């Protein structure tokens, strides 16, 4: 008999003691261990001689009893959450430890926030907004360790073990909860020196005669510039005088008067107020798509995730960047002018 079979053979011997204190959890614990061992709900159903739907129902009832999410499930993958890993580590040596594992899960849900919190954010927003707020969060919750990943690529919550992600615009994955923190206004900007020497575009057609600075996405594609024309969104990728895959380099090139670029309001707000940048084509500013804080489920969130979402929501909104809450027309801008030869 191998260790895999021995684990399941030990389950009936402890069923009486388990049922006496947590009768409703026994089927869920058996199903949970089977899914971990077999790697999928379907194979666990075959192992236990029941259908996949029965395994899924048993695990869902167990998660509801624990008030903790044990698996991250998509149409293609199944993986343990951190809470699931801890529960399995406690259960694996023998079913006699399941009662203690249940208590540990409740502690994660209702006890003082603790543990490792893995966060993902776009590079620019992560540096400018998220990172400066982490010190205050950890001062309040010293038992939570922060692991921050800055990446402009798409978020894979399961593969990268992400608890919370900050993203521009809503994510396409319908299983992801996206809560808007602040507006995301994209502004076409130039330096006063550029405006003096080259003028500013009066229309979208004028962009062809200007030096444009483009941003290259993590996918390798060039980021499109978005505008509002006659109530409709128009996107284009201008011919570039320079292209960078870093937001800060795009901004630096604009500040040096090397061209114009479309950048996020949070990135340029202070510079607009100080007059170091001016706005181009404000009449064509695109609709707001929002900066969002994203996570996999509204329910059964660990305490460390719940308090982090609450903290970042309050403190990010308190930043109140003027360029995001004021009409574009009120931001400092020189008179538009045709491009000079």
Protein backbone atom coordinates (compact mmCIF):
# COMPACT_ATOMS: atom_id res chain seq x y z
CA UNK A 1 0.00 0.00 0.00
CA UNK A 2 1.45 3.39 -0.94
CA UNK A 3 1.22 6.58 1.12
CA UNK A 4 -1.48 7.96 -1.17
CA UNK A 5 -3.83 4.99 -0.50
CA UNK A 6 -2.90 4.91 3.18
CA UNK A 7 -4.06 8.49 3.63
CA UNK A 8 -7.56 7.61 2.45
CA UNK A 9 -7.64 4.37 4.45
CA UNK A 10 -7.14 6.42 7.64
CA UNK A 11 -10.26 8.51 7.04
CA UNK A 12 -12.97 6.07 8.32
CA UNK A 13 -11.08 5.32 11.54
CA UNK A 14 -11.38 8.90 12.71
CA UNK A 15 -14.87 9.55 11.39
CA UNK A 16 -16.62 9.06 14.75
CA UNK A 17 -14.52 11.58 16.65
CA UNK A 18 -14.75 14.06 13.81
CA UNK A 19 -18.52 13.69 13.45
CA UNK A 20 -19.08 14.19 17.16
CA UNK A 21 -17.84 17.77 16.99
CA UNK A 22 -18.16 18.78 13.34
CA UNK A 23 -20.68 16.40 11.81
CA UNK A 24 -21.41 18.55 8.80
CA UNK A 25 -17.73 19.04 7.94
CA UNK A 26 -16.70 15.40 7.55
CA UNK A 27 -17.79 14.97 3.92
CA UNK A 28 -16.24 18.32 3.06
CA UNK A 29 -12.90 17.43 4.65
CA UNK A 30 -12.78 14.10 2.83
CA UNK A 31 -13.66 15.80 -0.45
CA UNK A 32 -11.10 18.54 0.20
CA UNK A 33 -8.28 16.06 0.84
CA UNK A 34 -9.28 14.07 -2.23
CA UNK A 35 -9.17 17.13 -4.48
CA UNK A 36 -5.72 18.07 -3.19
CA UNK A 37 -4.42 14.54 -3.64
CA UNK A 38 -5.92 13.98 -7.09
CA UNK A 39 -5.42 17.49 -8.46
CA UNK A 40 -8.97 18.04 -9.72
CA UNK A 41 -12.60 17.80 -8.64
CA UNK A 42 -13.40 15.26 -11.37
CA UNK A 43 -10.61 12.88 -10.35
CA UNK A 44 -11.53 13.32 -6.69
CA UNK A 45 -15.07 12.25 -7.56
CA UNK A 46 -13.74 9.14 -9.28
CA UNK A 47 -11.54 8.37 -6.25
CA UNK A 48 -14.44 8.70 -3.81
CA UNK A 49 -16.99 7.01 -6.07
CA UNK A 50 -19.22 10.07 -6.31
CA UNK A 51 -19.84 12.68 -8.99
CA UNK A 52 -17.80 15.82 -9.53
CA UNK A 53 -20.79 17.99 -8.55
CA UNK A 54 -21.09 16.17 -5.22
CA UNK A 55 -17.40 16.84 -4.47
CA UNK A 56 -17.87 20.50 -5.40
CA UNK A 57 -20.93 20.84 -3.14
CA UNK A 58 -19.11 19.23 -0.22
CA UNK A 59 -16.12 21.54 -0.59
CA UNK A 60 -18.36 24.62 -0.89
CA UNK A 61 -20.17 23.64 2.33
CA UNK A 62 -16.81 23.22 4.05
CA UNK A 63 -15.64 26.63 2.81
CA UNK A 64 -18.87 28.18 4.07
CA UNK A 65 -18.39 26.54 7.48
CA UNK A 66 -14.76 27.71 7.63
CA UNK A 67 -15.59 31.15 6.24
CA UNK A 68 -12.44 30.73 4.17
CA UNK A 69 -11.80 30.11 0.49
CA UNK A 70 -9.77 26.88 0.12
CA UNK A 71 -9.35 26.69 -3.66
CA UNK A 72 -8.79 29.17 -6.47
CA UNK A 73 -10.91 27.81 -9.32
CA UNK A 74 -11.04 28.79 -12.97
CA UNK A 75 -12.25 26.86 -15.99
CA UNK A 76 -8.73 25.54 -16.56
CA UNK A 77 -6.99 25.38 -13.18
CA UNK A 78 -7.50 24.46 -9.56
CA UNK A 79 -5.02 25.55 -6.89
CA UNK A 80 -4.96 25.91 -3.14
CA UNK A 81 -5.27 29.34 -1.54
CA UNK A 82 -2.90 30.13 1.32
CA UNK A 83 -5.74 29.23 3.68
CA UNK A 84 -6.21 25.97 1.79
CA UNK A 85 -2.50 25.17 2.06
CA UNK A 86 -2.54 25.72 5.81
CA UNK A 87 -5.67 23.59 6.20
CA UNK A 88 -4.16 20.76 4.16
CA UNK A 89 -0.87 20.85 6.07
CA UNK A 90 -2.81 20.36 9.28
CA UNK A 91 -5.06 17.64 7.88
CA UNK A 92 -2.46 15.66 5.95
CA UNK A 93 -0.77 13.88 8.91
CA UNK A 94 -4.13 12.46 10.02
CA UNK A 95 -7.81 13.26 10.26
CA UNK A 96 -7.47 13.56 14.05
CA UNK A 97 -6.00 17.04 13.43
CA UNK A 98 -8.94 18.33 11.39
CA UNK A 99 -10.69 19.93 14.36
CA UNK A 100 -7.59 22.00 15.09
CA UNK A 101 -7.33 22.93 11.42
CA UNK A 102 -10.89 24.29 11.49
CA UNK A 103 -9.99 26.45 14.47
CA UNK A 104 -6.94 27.77 12.62
CA UNK A 105 -9.12 28.74 9.67
CA UNK A 106 -11.48 30.68 11.91
CA UNK A 107 -8.50 32.45 13.42
CA UNK A 108 -7.38 33.55 9.96
CA UNK A 109 -10.85 34.91 9.29
CA UNK A 110 -11.71 36.54 12.62
CA UNK A 111 -8.43 36.90 14.49
CA UNK A 112 -5.92 39.76 14.29
CA UNK A 113 -4.82 40.36 10.66
CA UNK A 114 -1.56 38.55 9.97
CA UNK A 115 0.37 36.67 7.32
CA UNK A 116 1.89 37.50 3.93
CA UNK A 117 -0.02 39.79 1.57
CA UNK A 118 1.07 39.55 -2.07
CA UNK A 119 0.14 42.60 -4.13
CA UNK A 120 0.43 43.38 -7.85
CA UNK A 121 0.25 46.84 -9.44
CA UNK A 122 1.05 48.61 -12.67
CA UNK A 123 4.56 50.06 -12.48
CA UNK A 124 3.56 53.72 -12.64
CA UNK A 125 0.56 53.53 -10.30
CA UNK A 126 2.45 51.21 -7.96
CA UNK A 127 5.35 53.63 -7.56
CA UNK A 128 3.32 56.83 -7.43
CA UNK A 129 0.28 55.79 -5.39
CA UNK A 130 0.47 52.29 -3.87
CA UNK A 131 4.04 52.11 -2.50
CA UNK A 132 3.88 55.43 -0.54
CA UNK A 133 0.80 54.17 1.34
CA UNK A 134 2.29 50.84 2.44
CA UNK A 135 4.31 52.30 5.34
CA UNK A 136 1.19 53.63 7.04
CA UNK A 137 -0.61 50.32 6.49
CA UNK A 138 2.18 48.26 8.08
CA UNK A 139 2.46 50.69 10.98
CA UNK A 140 -1.17 49.88 11.72
CA UNK A 141 -0.89 46.13 10.97
CA UNK A 142 2.67 45.11 11.88
CA UNK A 143 1.91 41.36 11.65
CA UNK A 144 1.17 41.60 7.92
CA UNK A 145 4.20 41.18 5.64
CA UNK A 146 3.99 42.93 2.25
CA UNK A 147 5.20 41.41 -1.03
CA UNK A 148 4.70 44.01 -3.80
CA UNK A 149 5.11 43.06 -7.47
CA UNK A 150 5.22 45.90 -10.04
CA UNK A 151 4.30 44.64 -13.50
CA UNK A 152 2.49 46.21 -16.45
CA UNK A 153 1.45 42.78 -17.73
CA UNK A 154 -1.88 41.06 -17.00
CA UNK A 155 -2.45 39.70 -13.50
CA UNK A 156 -2.56 35.91 -13.01
CA UNK A 157 -4.00 35.61 -9.51
CA UNK A 158 -3.42 31.86 -9.31
CA UNK A 159 -0.01 31.41 -10.92
CA UNK A 160 1.50 34.47 -9.19
CA UNK A 161 -0.30 33.86 -5.86
CA UNK A 162 -1.73 37.39 -5.92
CA UNK A 163 -4.11 38.47 -3.14
CA UNK A 164 -4.85 41.99 -4.39
CA UNK A 165 -4.09 43.73 -7.68
CA UNK A 166 -4.22 47.39 -8.72
CA UNK A 167 -5.08 47.83 -12.41
CA UNK A 168 -6.02 50.56 -14.85
CA UNK A 169 -9.54 49.98 -16.11
CA UNK A 170 -11.63 46.91 -15.43
CA UNK A 171 -10.15 43.48 -15.90
CA UNK A 172 -11.68 41.23 -18.56
CA UNK A 173 -11.88 38.20 -16.25
CA UNK A 174 -15.48 38.02 -15.03
CA UNK A 175 -14.36 36.13 -11.92
CA UNK A 176 -12.34 39.12 -10.70
CA UNK A 177 -13.95 41.77 -8.49
CA UNK A 178 -12.82 45.27 -9.58
CA UNK A 179 -13.59 48.16 -7.20
CA UNK A 180 -12.87 51.65 -8.49
CA UNK A 181 -10.58 53.70 -6.27
CA UNK A 182 -10.11 56.93 -8.20
CA UNK A 183 -10.78 58.15 -11.71
CA UNK A 184 -8.34 57.46 -14.52
CA UNK A 185 -8.23 60.50 -16.77
CA UNK A 186 -5.76 60.30 -19.64
CA UNK A 187 -4.34 63.70 -20.51
CA UNK A 188 -2.38 64.75 -23.59
CA UNK A 189 0.47 66.88 -22.25
CA UNK A 190 3.44 68.93 -23.40
CA UNK A 191 6.02 71.12 -21.69
CA UNK A 192 5.72 74.92 -21.91
CA UNK A 193 9.01 74.91 -23.83
CA UNK A 194 7.61 72.55 -26.43
CA UNK A 195 4.45 74.66 -26.72
CA UNK A 196 6.55 77.79 -27.23
CA UNK A 197 8.73 76.29 -29.96
CA UNK A 198 6.23 74.05 -31.75
CA UNK A 199 2.77 75.25 -30.70
CA UNK A 200 0.05 72.83 -29.62
CA UNK A 201 -2.24 70.74 -31.82
CA UNK A 202 -5.68 72.20 -32.48
CA UNK A 203 -7.17 68.96 -33.78
CA UNK A 204 -6.37 65.27 -33.88
CA UNK A 205 -5.20 65.67 -37.47
CA UNK A 206 -2.52 68.08 -36.25
CA UNK A 207 -0.86 65.25 -34.29
CA UNK A 208 0.76 64.05 -37.51
CA UNK A 209 2.82 67.26 -37.52
CA UNK A 210 4.00 66.95 -33.91
CA UNK A 211 6.68 64.98 -32.13
CA UNK A 212 4.88 62.27 -30.18
CA UNK A 213 6.24 60.07 -27.37
CA UNK A 214 4.77 56.56 -27.28
CA UNK A 215 4.57 53.94 -24.54
CA UNK A 216 5.20 50.26 -25.26
CA UNK A 217 3.05 47.83 -23.27
CA UNK A 218 4.36 44.68 -21.58
CA UNK A 219 2.82 42.69 -24.45
CA UNK A 220 5.09 44.53 -26.89
CA UNK A 221 2.27 46.50 -28.48
CA UNK A 222 2.25 50.29 -28.54
CA UNK A 223 -0.32 51.86 -26.23
CA UNK A 224 -3.15 53.53 -28.13
CA UNK A 225 -4.04 57.16 -27.49
CA UNK A 226 -7.73 57.55 -26.70
CA UNK A 227 -9.88 60.60 -27.47
CA UNK A 228 -13.55 61.61 -27.41
CA UNK A 229 -14.85 62.91 -30.75
CA UNK A 230 -18.53 63.79 -31.26
CA UNK A 231 -19.50 61.58 -28.34
CA UNK A 232 -17.56 58.58 -29.61
CA UNK A 233 -14.21 57.13 -28.58
CA UNK A 234 -11.45 57.36 -31.16
CA UNK A 235 -8.15 55.53 -30.70
CA UNK A 236 -4.93 55.97 -32.61
CA UNK A 237 -1.21 55.26 -32.39
CA UNK A 238 0.70 58.33 -33.60
CA UNK A 239 4.01 58.24 -35.43
CA UNK A 240 6.57 58.42 -32.65
CA UNK A 241 9.68 60.52 -32.24
CA UNK A 242 10.58 58.21 -29.33
CA UNK A 243 9.12 55.10 -27.67
CA UNK A 244 9.71 53.79 -24.14
CA UNK A 245 8.38 50.87 -22.09
CA UNK A 246 8.60 52.87 -18.86
CA UNK A 247 6.12 55.57 -17.79
CA UNK A 248 8.79 57.64 -16.07
CA UNK A 249 10.91 57.77 -19.23
CA UNK A 250 7.92 58.94 -21.26
CA UNK A 251 7.27 61.66 -18.69
CA UNK A 252 10.90 62.72 -18.60
CA UNK A 253 10.99 63.07 -22.38
CA UNK A 254 7.91 65.31 -22.28
CA UNK A 255 9.35 67.46 -19.47
CA UNK A 256 12.52 67.93 -21.53
CA UNK A 257 10.44 69.33 -24.37
CA UNK A 258 11.12 66.42 -26.70
CA UNK A 259 7.48 65.85 -27.59
CA UNK A 260 3.90 65.34 -26.42
CA UNK A 261 2.40 62.23 -24.82
CA UNK A 262 -0.85 60.97 -23.35
CA UNK A 263 -0.35 60.09 -19.68
CA UNK A 264 -2.46 59.20 -16.65
CA UNK A 265 -3.70 62.04 -14.46
CA UNK A 266 -2.09 60.67 -11.29
CA UNK A 267 1.29 60.83 -13.02
CA UNK A 268 1.09 64.45 -14.14
CA UNK A 269 -1.19 66.15 -11.58
CA UNK A 270 1.52 67.88 -9.55
CA UNK A 271 3.35 68.97 -12.70
CA UNK A 272 0.21 70.49 -14.20
CA UNK A 273 -0.50 72.45 -11.02
CA UNK A 274 3.10 73.69 -10.99
CA UNK A 275 2.90 74.77 -14.61
CA UNK A 276 5.66 72.39 -15.70
CA UNK A 277 3.24 70.71 -18.10
CA UNK A 278 0.28 71.98 -20.12
CA UNK A 279 -2.74 70.14 -21.52
CA UNK A 280 -3.33 69.63 -25.24
CA UNK A 281 -6.73 69.06 -26.89
CA UNK A 282 -8.74 69.16 -23.63
CA UNK A 283 -11.95 69.17 -25.67
CA UNK A 284 -11.14 65.62 -26.75
CA UNK A 285 -10.23 64.20 -23.31
CA UNK A 286 -11.45 60.56 -23.19
CA UNK A 287 -13.92 59.09 -20.74
CA UNK A 288 -12.70 58.02 -17.32
CA UNK A 289 -12.02 54.29 -17.01
CA UNK A 290 -10.88 54.29 -13.39
CA UNK A 291 -8.03 52.86 -11.34
CA UNK A 292 -9.30 49.69 -9.65
CA UNK A 293 -8.37 47.47 -6.76
CA UNK A 294 -9.02 43.86 -7.79
CA UNK A 295 -9.45 40.54 -5.96
CA UNK A 296 -11.08 37.18 -6.62
CA UNK A 297 -14.08 37.13 -4.30
CA UNK A 298 -16.20 39.42 -2.14
CA UNK A 299 -16.85 36.61 0.34
CA UNK A 300 -14.61 34.66 2.70
CA UNK A 301 -11.76 37.14 2.41
CA UNK A 302 -8.93 36.62 4.92
CA UNK A 303 -8.63 39.39 7.50
CA UNK A 304 -5.32 40.57 6.02
CA UNK A 305 -6.99 41.10 2.63
CA UNK A 306 -10.10 42.79 4.02
CA UNK A 307 -8.19 45.35 6.08
CA UNK A 308 -5.81 46.09 3.20
CA UNK A 309 -8.67 46.76 0.75
CA UNK A 310 -10.37 49.03 3.29
CA UNK A 311 -7.13 50.89 4.11
CA UNK A 312 -6.11 51.47 0.49
CA UNK A 313 -9.62 52.51 -0.55
CA UNK A 314 -9.80 55.20 2.12
CA UNK A 315 -6.25 56.52 1.76
CA UNK A 316 -6.09 56.44 -2.04
CA UNK A 317 -9.30 58.40 -2.34
CA UNK A 318 -8.02 60.85 0.28
CA UNK A 319 -5.15 61.75 -2.05
CA UNK A 320 -7.75 63.45 -4.27
CA UNK A 321 -5.45 64.45 -7.15
CA UNK A 322 -6.91 67.75 -8.41
CA UNK A 323 -6.34 66.83 -12.04
CA UNK A 324 -8.62 63.83 -11.57
CA UNK A 325 -11.49 65.62 -9.84
CA UNK A 326 -11.48 68.95 -11.68
CA UNK A 327 -12.72 69.51 -15.22
CA UNK A 328 -9.89 69.34 -17.72
CA UNK A 329 -10.67 72.87 -18.84
CA UNK A 330 -9.65 74.25 -15.43
CA UNK A 331 -6.14 72.81 -15.61
CA UNK A 332 -3.42 75.26 -16.56
CA UNK A 333 -2.93 75.43 -20.31
CA UNK A 334 -1.60 78.06 -22.71
CA UNK A 335 -3.59 79.20 -25.70
CA UNK A 336 -3.60 76.62 -28.47
CA UNK A 337 -1.48 77.47 -31.47
CA UNK A 338 -0.63 75.99 -34.78
CA UNK A 339 2.63 74.14 -35.08
CA UNK A 340 5.44 76.52 -35.94
CA UNK A 341 7.82 75.73 -38.77
